[in-house]
C-alpha cells in the first residue's frame, strides 16, 4: 500500500493509523504494537487514546 503524498506541498501529510503503516511495511499490526513496546519500531504518537504515525518518521526509521 503506498503512503499518501501531500497534495502539491499544500500542507502536512495526514497522520497514519497502525493499519496503514502495517500495510505499508508489510507486517501485521500486532508487530507494530510489539515494536512500540520494545521501542524498536518507528516513532508513534498518542492522539487522545489512538496511536498515530507521521509518514516522514516512518520513512526515516526505514532508512536507518
N, C-alpha and C. Protein backbone atom coordinates (compact mmCIF):
# COMPACT_ATOMS: atom_id res chain seq x y z
N UNK A 1 0.85 -1.18 0.00
CA UNK A 1 0.00 0.00 0.00
C UNK A 1 0.89 1.23 0.00
N UNK A 2 0.76 2.10 -0.98
CA UNK A 2 1.58 3.32 -0.99
C UNK A 2 1.11 4.29 0.06
N UNK A 3 2.05 5.05 0.57
CA UNK A 3 1.66 6.05 1.55
C UNK A 3 1.13 7.27 0.81
N UNK A 4 0.23 8.03 1.42
CA UNK A 4 -0.33 9.20 0.73
C UNK A 4 0.72 10.29 0.55
N UNK A 5 0.62 10.98 -0.55
CA UNK A 5 1.51 12.11 -0.82
C UNK A 5 0.75 13.39 -0.53
N UNK A 6 1.48 14.40 -0.10
CA UNK A 6 0.81 15.67 0.15
C UNK A 6 0.44 16.27 -1.20
N UNK A 7 -0.68 16.90 -1.25
CA UNK A 7 -1.20 17.46 -2.50
C UNK A 7 -0.39 18.69 -2.89
N UNK A 8 0.59 18.51 -3.74
CA UNK A 8 1.45 19.58 -4.26
C UNK A 8 2.02 20.46 -3.16
N UNK A 9 2.42 19.84 -2.06
CA UNK A 9 3.03 20.60 -0.97
C UNK A 9 2.06 21.52 -0.27
N UNK A 10 0.77 21.20 -0.31
CA UNK A 10 -0.26 22.06 0.25
C UNK A 10 -0.43 21.91 1.75
N UNK A 11 0.51 21.28 2.41
CA UNK A 11 0.39 21.14 3.86
C UNK A 11 0.98 19.82 4.31
N UNK A 12 0.89 19.57 5.60
CA UNK A 12 1.47 18.33 6.12
C UNK A 12 0.68 17.11 5.69
N UNK A 13 1.37 15.97 5.68
CA UNK A 13 0.70 14.72 5.38
C UNK A 13 -0.21 14.34 6.54
N UNK A 14 -1.28 13.63 6.25
CA UNK A 14 -2.14 13.18 7.35
C UNK A 14 -1.41 12.16 8.20
N UNK A 15 -1.80 12.07 9.45
CA UNK A 15 -1.22 11.06 10.33
C UNK A 15 -1.71 9.69 9.91
N UNK A 16 -0.86 8.70 10.06
CA UNK A 16 -1.19 7.34 9.63
C UNK A 16 -1.66 6.50 10.81
N UNK A 17 -2.60 5.63 10.54
CA UNK A 17 -3.07 4.68 11.54
C UNK A 17 -2.13 3.49 11.58
N UNK A 18 -2.17 2.71 12.65
CA UNK A 18 -1.35 1.49 12.68
C UNK A 18 -1.66 0.56 11.51
N UNK A 19 -2.91 0.49 11.10
CA UNK A 19 -3.28 -0.38 9.98
C UNK A 19 -2.63 0.08 8.68
N UNK A 20 -2.57 1.40 8.47
CA UNK A 20 -1.94 1.93 7.25
C UNK A 20 -0.44 1.68 7.25
N UNK A 21 0.20 1.89 8.38
CA UNK A 21 1.64 1.68 8.47
C UNK A 21 1.97 0.20 8.33
N UNK A 22 1.17 -0.66 8.94
CA UNK A 22 1.40 -2.10 8.83
C UNK A 22 1.29 -2.54 7.37
N UNK A 23 0.30 -2.04 6.65
CA UNK A 23 0.14 -2.39 5.24
C UNK A 23 1.32 -1.86 4.42
N UNK A 24 1.77 -0.65 4.72
CA UNK A 24 2.90 -0.05 4.01
C UNK A 24 4.18 -0.84 4.23
N UNK A 25 4.40 -1.30 5.47
CA UNK A 25 5.62 -2.04 5.80
C UNK A 25 5.49 -3.53 5.49
N UNK A 26 4.26 -4.00 5.30
CA UNK A 26 4.04 -5.42 5.02
C UNK A 26 4.20 -6.30 6.25
N UNK A 27 3.81 -5.77 7.40
CA UNK A 27 3.87 -6.53 8.65
C UNK A 27 2.49 -6.50 9.30
N UNK A 28 2.22 -7.46 10.19
CA UNK A 28 0.95 -7.42 10.92
C UNK A 28 0.90 -6.23 11.89
N UNK A 29 -0.30 -5.77 12.17
CA UNK A 29 -0.48 -4.67 13.13
C UNK A 29 0.09 -5.07 14.49
N UNK A 30 -0.07 -6.32 14.85
CA UNK A 30 0.46 -6.80 16.14
C UNK A 30 1.96 -6.57 16.24
N UNK A 31 2.66 -6.69 15.13
CA UNK A 31 4.11 -6.44 15.13
C UNK A 31 4.41 -4.99 15.48
N UNK A 32 3.62 -4.06 14.97
CA UNK A 32 3.82 -2.64 15.31
C UNK A 32 3.64 -2.42 16.81
N UNK A 33 2.64 -3.07 17.39
CA UNK A 33 2.43 -2.94 18.83
C UNK A 33 3.60 -3.53 19.61
N UNK A 34 4.16 -4.65 19.15
CA UNK A 34 5.32 -5.24 19.82
C UNK A 34 6.53 -4.31 19.69
N UNK A 35 6.73 -3.74 18.50
CA UNK A 35 7.85 -2.81 18.31
C UNK A 35 7.69 -1.61 19.23
N UNK A 36 6.47 -1.10 19.38
CA UNK A 36 6.24 0.05 20.25
C UNK A 36 6.61 -0.31 21.68
N UNK A 37 6.20 -1.49 22.11
CA UNK A 37 6.51 -1.92 23.48
C UNK A 37 8.02 -2.06 23.69
N UNK A 38 8.72 -2.55 22.66
CA UNK A 38 10.17 -2.74 22.74
C UNK A 38 10.95 -1.48 22.36
N UNK A 39 10.24 -0.47 21.88
CA UNK A 39 10.84 0.79 21.42
C UNK A 39 11.86 0.57 20.31
N UNK A 40 11.51 -0.28 19.35
CA UNK A 40 12.40 -0.57 18.25
C UNK A 40 11.84 -0.13 16.90
N UNK A 41 10.56 0.15 16.83
CA UNK A 41 9.93 0.49 15.56
C UNK A 41 9.90 1.99 15.32
N UNK A 42 9.14 2.39 14.31
CA UNK A 42 9.01 3.82 14.03
C UNK A 42 8.35 4.55 15.20
N UNK A 43 8.67 5.82 15.33
CA UNK A 43 8.10 6.63 16.41
C UNK A 43 6.59 6.70 16.27
N UNK A 44 5.92 6.48 17.37
CA UNK A 44 4.46 6.50 17.38
C UNK A 44 4.01 7.58 18.37
N UNK A 45 2.89 8.22 18.06
CA UNK A 45 2.35 9.30 18.89
C UNK A 45 0.94 8.94 19.33
N UNK A 46 0.62 9.30 20.56
CA UNK A 46 -0.74 9.11 21.04
C UNK A 46 -1.53 10.38 20.76
N UNK A 47 -2.65 10.21 20.10
CA UNK A 47 -3.58 11.30 19.86
C UNK A 47 -4.86 10.90 20.58
N UNK A 48 -5.06 11.49 21.75
CA UNK A 48 -6.14 11.01 22.59
C UNK A 48 -5.80 9.60 23.03
N UNK A 49 -6.64 8.66 22.71
CA UNK A 49 -6.35 7.26 23.04
C UNK A 49 -5.92 6.46 21.83
N UNK A 50 -5.69 7.13 20.72
CA UNK A 50 -5.33 6.48 19.47
C UNK A 50 -3.84 6.62 19.18
N UNK A 51 -3.27 5.61 18.52
CA UNK A 51 -1.88 5.67 18.10
C UNK A 51 -1.83 6.14 16.66
N UNK A 52 -0.91 7.07 16.38
CA UNK A 52 -0.76 7.60 15.03
C UNK A 52 0.72 7.74 14.71
N UNK A 53 1.03 7.62 13.43
CA UNK A 53 2.40 7.72 12.94
C UNK A 53 2.49 8.89 11.98
N UNK A 54 3.66 9.54 11.95
CA UNK A 54 3.95 10.56 10.94
C UNK A 54 4.74 9.88 9.83
N UNK A 55 4.29 10.04 8.58
CA UNK A 55 4.93 9.37 7.46
C UNK A 55 6.43 9.68 7.35
N UNK A 56 6.86 10.92 7.52
CA UNK A 56 8.31 11.17 7.43
C UNK A 56 9.11 10.40 8.48
N UNK A 57 8.54 10.20 9.67
CA UNK A 57 9.23 9.44 10.71
C UNK A 57 9.28 7.96 10.37
N UNK A 58 8.23 7.44 9.72
CA UNK A 58 8.24 6.05 9.29
C UNK A 58 9.34 5.86 8.24
N UNK A 59 9.41 6.78 7.28
CA UNK A 59 10.44 6.69 6.24
C UNK A 59 11.84 6.83 6.82
N UNK A 60 12.01 7.72 7.80
CA UNK A 60 13.32 7.91 8.43
C UNK A 60 13.72 6.63 9.17
N UNK A 61 12.77 5.98 9.83
CA UNK A 61 13.06 4.74 10.52
C UNK A 61 13.48 3.66 9.53
N UNK A 62 12.82 3.61 8.38
CA UNK A 62 13.18 2.65 7.35
C UNK A 62 14.60 2.88 6.83
N UNK A 63 14.99 4.14 6.73
CA UNK A 63 16.30 4.50 6.18
C UNK A 63 17.44 4.21 7.15
N UNK A 64 17.14 4.00 8.44
CA UNK A 64 18.19 3.73 9.43
C UNK A 64 18.87 2.41 9.17
